[in-house]
């Protein structure tokens, strides 16, 4: 059995576009995100800015740890890793 990293998105993003759960054999965060964008291209604009960096209001957790590379997105992924993409909420 081949294991793959699993990408899941916060429910807040579902208000705007489909957020599929994606299993991928990608080895980096960017590769995994590209696999999710292939399933739903509209999702890219909610997660990445015009330079391809994580948007200021987006946080990614990889196996329970916050992603440290918001620009090149080269955080490594384990084959059985869990990646959660969250959109921060603001207001008050």
N, C-alpha and C. Protein backbone atom coordinates (compact mmCIF):
# COMPACT_ATOMS: atom_id res chain seq x y z
N UNK A 1 0.84 -1.18 0.00
CA UNK A 1 0.00 0.00 0.00
C UNK A 1 0.88 1.25 0.00
N UNK A 2 0.61 2.15 -0.92
CA UNK A 2 1.35 3.40 -1.01
C UNK A 2 0.66 4.44 -0.14
N UNK A 3 1.44 5.11 0.71
CA UNK A 3 0.86 6.17 1.52
C UNK A 3 1.22 7.51 0.89
N UNK A 4 0.36 8.48 1.11
CA UNK A 4 0.55 9.81 0.53
C UNK A 4 0.22 10.86 1.55
N UNK A 5 0.83 12.02 1.37
CA UNK A 5 0.50 13.16 2.22
C UNK A 5 -0.93 13.60 1.91
N UNK A 6 -1.67 13.94 2.94
CA UNK A 6 -3.07 14.35 2.79
C UNK A 6 -3.20 15.85 3.07
N UNK A 7 -3.83 16.57 2.15
CA UNK A 7 -4.09 18.00 2.28
C UNK A 7 -5.56 18.22 2.58
N UNK A 8 -5.82 18.98 3.64
CA UNK A 8 -7.19 19.35 3.99
C UNK A 8 -7.24 20.85 4.22
N UNK A 9 -8.39 21.45 3.94
CA UNK A 9 -8.56 22.89 4.04
C UNK A 9 -9.62 23.25 5.07
N UNK A 10 -9.44 24.40 5.67
CA UNK A 10 -10.36 24.89 6.69
C UNK A 10 -11.77 25.09 6.11
N UNK A 11 -12.78 24.88 6.91
CA UNK A 11 -14.15 25.06 6.42
C UNK A 11 -14.46 26.48 5.95
N UNK A 12 -13.75 27.49 6.45
CA UNK A 12 -14.01 28.87 6.03
C UNK A 12 -13.82 29.03 4.53
N UNK A 13 -12.85 28.34 3.94
CA UNK A 13 -12.61 28.46 2.50
C UNK A 13 -13.75 27.86 1.69
N UNK A 14 -14.50 26.93 2.26
CA UNK A 14 -15.61 26.30 1.53
C UNK A 14 -16.72 27.29 1.21
N UNK A 15 -16.75 28.41 1.92
CA UNK A 15 -17.76 29.43 1.60
C UNK A 15 -17.52 30.02 0.22
N UNK A 16 -16.25 29.95 -0.26
CA UNK A 16 -15.87 30.62 -1.50
C UNK A 16 -15.63 29.68 -2.67
N UNK A 17 -15.14 28.47 -2.38
CA UNK A 17 -14.80 27.54 -3.46
C UNK A 17 -14.70 26.13 -2.90
N UNK A 18 -14.71 25.16 -3.79
CA UNK A 18 -14.56 23.76 -3.37
C UNK A 18 -13.17 23.55 -2.78
N UNK A 19 -13.12 22.84 -1.67
CA UNK A 19 -11.84 22.56 -1.02
C UNK A 19 -11.69 21.04 -0.89
N UNK A 20 -11.22 20.42 -1.96
CA UNK A 20 -11.12 18.95 -1.94
C UNK A 20 -10.04 18.48 -0.98
N UNK A 21 -10.26 17.32 -0.38
CA UNK A 21 -9.20 16.63 0.35
C UNK A 21 -8.37 15.95 -0.73
N UNK A 22 -7.06 16.19 -0.69
CA UNK A 22 -6.19 15.66 -1.75
C UNK A 22 -5.08 14.83 -1.13
N UNK A 23 -4.90 13.63 -1.63
CA UNK A 23 -3.77 12.78 -1.27
C UNK A 23 -2.76 12.90 -2.40
N UNK A 24 -1.50 13.19 -2.05
CA UNK A 24 -0.48 13.43 -3.06
C UNK A 24 0.84 12.79 -2.67
N UNK A 25 1.62 12.44 -3.68
CA UNK A 25 2.96 11.92 -3.42
C UNK A 25 4.01 13.02 -3.45
N UNK A 26 3.58 14.27 -3.41
CA UNK A 26 4.51 15.41 -3.41
C UNK A 26 5.42 15.33 -2.18
N UNK A 27 6.63 15.85 -2.35
CA UNK A 27 7.60 15.81 -1.26
C UNK A 27 7.82 17.16 -0.59
N UNK A 28 7.20 18.21 -1.16
CA UNK A 28 7.29 19.55 -0.56
C UNK A 28 5.90 20.17 -0.47
N UNK A 29 5.79 21.18 0.37
CA UNK A 29 4.53 21.88 0.51
C UNK A 29 4.07 22.46 -0.82
N UNK A 30 4.98 23.09 -1.57
CA UNK A 30 4.59 23.67 -2.86
C UNK A 30 4.06 22.59 -3.79
N UNK A 31 4.72 21.46 -3.86
CA UNK A 31 4.26 20.38 -4.72
C UNK A 31 2.88 19.89 -4.33
N UNK A 32 2.64 19.78 -3.04
CA UNK A 32 1.32 19.36 -2.57
C UNK A 32 0.25 20.38 -2.87
N UNK A 33 0.58 21.65 -2.71
CA UNK A 33 -0.39 22.71 -3.03
C UNK A 33 -0.70 22.69 -4.52
N UNK A 34 0.32 22.50 -5.35
CA UNK A 34 0.08 22.44 -6.80
C UNK A 34 -0.85 21.28 -7.15
N UNK A 35 -0.73 20.18 -6.44
CA UNK A 35 -1.63 19.04 -6.67
C UNK A 35 -3.07 19.42 -6.32
N UNK A 36 -3.25 20.20 -5.27
CA UNK A 36 -4.61 20.62 -4.91
C UNK A 36 -5.15 21.63 -5.90
N UNK A 37 -4.28 22.52 -6.39
CA UNK A 37 -4.73 23.52 -7.37
C UNK A 37 -5.09 22.86 -8.70
N UNK A 38 -4.47 21.73 -9.00
CA UNK A 38 -4.83 21.00 -10.22
C UNK A 38 -6.27 20.48 -10.12
N UNK A 39 -6.71 20.17 -8.91
CA UNK A 39 -8.09 19.70 -8.69
C UNK A 39 -9.08 20.85 -8.70
N UNK A 40 -8.65 22.03 -8.20
CA UNK A 40 -9.51 23.21 -8.19
C UNK A 40 -8.64 24.46 -8.37
N UNK A 41 -8.47 24.93 -9.60
CA UNK A 41 -7.61 26.08 -9.86
C UNK A 41 -8.03 27.35 -9.12
N UNK A 42 -9.32 27.53 -8.84
CA UNK A 42 -9.78 28.73 -8.12
C UNK A 42 -9.20 28.82 -6.72
N UNK A 43 -8.86 27.69 -6.13
CA UNK A 43 -8.33 27.66 -4.78
C UNK A 43 -6.99 28.40 -4.67
N UNK A 44 -6.21 28.41 -5.74
CA UNK A 44 -4.90 29.06 -5.74
C UNK A 44 -4.99 30.52 -5.26
N UNK A 45 -5.93 31.27 -5.77
CA UNK A 45 -6.06 32.68 -5.42
C UNK A 45 -6.43 32.93 -3.97
N UNK A 46 -7.02 31.96 -3.32
CA UNK A 46 -7.36 32.10 -1.90
C UNK A 46 -6.18 31.74 -0.99
N UNK A 47 -5.24 30.95 -1.51
CA UNK A 47 -4.13 30.47 -0.70
C UNK A 47 -2.84 31.24 -0.98
N UNK A 48 -2.56 31.52 -2.27
CA UNK A 48 -1.32 32.18 -2.65
C UNK A 48 -1.58 33.58 -3.19
N UNK A 49 -0.60 34.48 -2.98
CA UNK A 49 -0.71 35.82 -3.53
C UNK A 49 -0.16 35.84 -4.95
N UNK A 50 -0.06 37.04 -5.55
CA UNK A 50 0.39 37.16 -6.94
C UNK A 50 1.83 36.72 -7.16
N UNK A 51 2.64 36.69 -6.11
CA UNK A 51 4.03 36.24 -6.22
C UNK A 51 4.17 34.74 -5.94
N UNK A 52 3.07 34.07 -5.65
CA UNK A 52 3.12 32.64 -5.36
C UNK A 52 3.50 32.31 -3.93
N UNK A 53 3.42 33.31 -3.04
CA UNK A 53 3.71 33.12 -1.62
C UNK A 53 2.40 32.92 -0.87
N UNK A 54 2.48 32.31 0.31
CA UNK A 54 1.27 32.18 1.11
C UNK A 54 0.70 33.55 1.42
N UNK A 55 -0.59 33.69 1.30
CA UNK A 55 -1.24 34.96 1.67
C UNK A 55 -1.05 35.20 3.16
N UNK A 56 -1.09 36.47 3.54
CA UNK A 56 -0.87 36.85 4.94
C UNK A 56 -1.89 36.20 5.87
N UNK A 57 -3.11 35.96 5.38
CA UNK A 57 -4.16 35.41 6.23
C UNK A 57 -4.27 33.88 6.15
N UNK A 58 -3.25 33.23 5.59
CA UNK A 58 -3.26 31.78 5.46
C UNK A 58 -2.12 31.19 6.30
N UNK A 59 -2.45 30.14 7.04
CA UNK A 59 -1.48 29.43 7.85
C UNK A 59 -1.54 27.95 7.46
N UNK A 60 -0.37 27.32 7.37
CA UNK A 60 -0.31 25.90 7.03
C UNK A 60 0.35 25.14 8.17
N UNK A 61 -0.26 24.04 8.56
CA UNK A 61 0.32 23.14 9.55
C UNK A 61 0.65 21.82 8.87
N UNK A 62 1.88 21.37 9.06
CA UNK A 62 2.34 20.10 8.51
C UNK A 62 2.64 19.19 9.69
N UNK A 63 1.88 18.13 9.80
CA UNK A 63 2.04 17.19 10.92
C UNK A 63 2.04 17.91 12.27
N UNK A 64 1.13 18.86 12.40
CA UNK A 64 0.95 19.56 13.68
C UNK A 64 1.90 20.72 13.91
N UNK A 65 2.80 20.99 12.98
CA UNK A 65 3.75 22.10 13.15
C UNK A 65 3.51 23.14 12.08
N UNK A 66 3.59 24.39 12.50
CA UNK A 66 3.35 25.49 11.56
C UNK A 66 4.46 25.54 10.51
N UNK A 67 4.07 25.72 9.26
CA UNK A 67 5.02 25.86 8.17
C UNK A 67 5.90 27.08 8.41
N UNK A 68 7.19 26.94 8.13
CA UNK A 68 8.12 28.03 8.37
C UNK A 68 8.53 28.76 7.10
N UNK A 69 8.22 28.21 5.95
CA UNK A 69 8.65 28.79 4.68
C UNK A 69 7.44 29.30 3.91
N UNK A 70 7.12 30.57 4.07
CA UNK A 70 5.93 31.16 3.44
C UNK A 70 6.21 31.62 2.01
N UNK A 71 7.48 31.64 1.60
CA UNK A 71 7.84 32.18 0.29
C UNK A 71 8.08 31.07 -0.73
N UNK A 72 9.08 30.24 -0.52
CA UNK A 72 9.36 29.19 -1.50
C UNK A 72 8.55 27.92 -1.24
N UNK A 73 7.99 27.79 -0.04
CA UNK A 73 7.11 26.67 0.31
C UNK A 73 7.81 25.32 0.15
N UNK A 74 9.06 25.29 0.58
CA UNK A 74 9.86 24.08 0.46
C UNK A 74 9.84 23.19 1.70
N UNK A 75 8.91 23.41 2.61
CA UNK A 75 8.82 22.52 3.77
C UNK A 75 8.64 21.09 3.26
N UNK A 76 9.41 20.14 3.83
CA UNK A 76 9.28 18.76 3.37
C UNK A 76 8.00 18.10 3.87
N UNK A 77 7.51 17.16 3.09
CA UNK A 77 6.33 16.37 3.46
C UNK A 77 6.73 14.92 3.64
N UNK A 78 6.17 14.30 4.65
CA UNK A 78 6.32 12.86 4.82
C UNK A 78 5.29 12.16 3.93
N UNK A 79 5.59 10.94 3.55
CA UNK A 79 4.68 10.18 2.70
C UNK A 79 3.32 9.99 3.36
N UNK A 80 3.30 9.90 4.70
CA UNK A 80 2.03 9.72 5.41
C UNK A 80 1.64 10.99 6.17
N UNK A 81 2.15 12.13 5.72
CA UNK A 81 1.93 13.40 6.41
C UNK A 81 0.52 13.92 6.30
N UNK A 82 0.19 14.81 7.22
CA UNK A 82 -1.11 15.49 7.24
C UNK A 82 -0.85 16.99 7.16
N UNK A 83 -1.46 17.63 6.18
CA UNK A 83 -1.27 19.06 5.96
C UNK A 83 -2.63 19.74 6.08
N UNK A 84 -2.70 20.77 6.91
CA UNK A 84 -3.93 21.53 7.10
C UNK A 84 -3.68 22.97 6.68
N UNK A 85 -4.53 23.47 5.79
CA UNK A 85 -4.42 24.84 5.31
C UNK A 85 -5.59 25.61 5.92
N UNK A 86 -5.23 26.63 6.69
CA UNK A 86 -6.24 27.40 7.42
C UNK A 86 -6.23 28.85 6.99
N UNK A 87 -7.40 29.42 6.92
CA UNK A 87 -7.53 30.83 6.65
C UNK A 87 -7.81 31.51 7.98
N UNK A 88 -6.92 32.43 8.37
CA UNK A 88 -7.09 33.13 9.64
C UNK A 88 -8.32 34.01 9.58
N UNK A 89 -9.00 34.10 10.70
CA UNK A 89 -10.17 34.96 10.79
C UNK A 89 -9.78 36.26 11.46
N UNK A 90 -10.40 37.33 11.03
CA UNK A 90 -10.14 38.62 11.65
C UNK A 90 -11.48 39.27 11.96
N UNK A 91 -11.40 40.32 12.71
CA UNK A 91 -12.62 41.04 13.06
C UNK A 91 -12.68 41.27 14.54
N UNK A 92 -13.74 41.79 14.98
CA UNK A 92 -13.80 42.00 16.41
C UNK A 92 -14.98 42.70 16.79
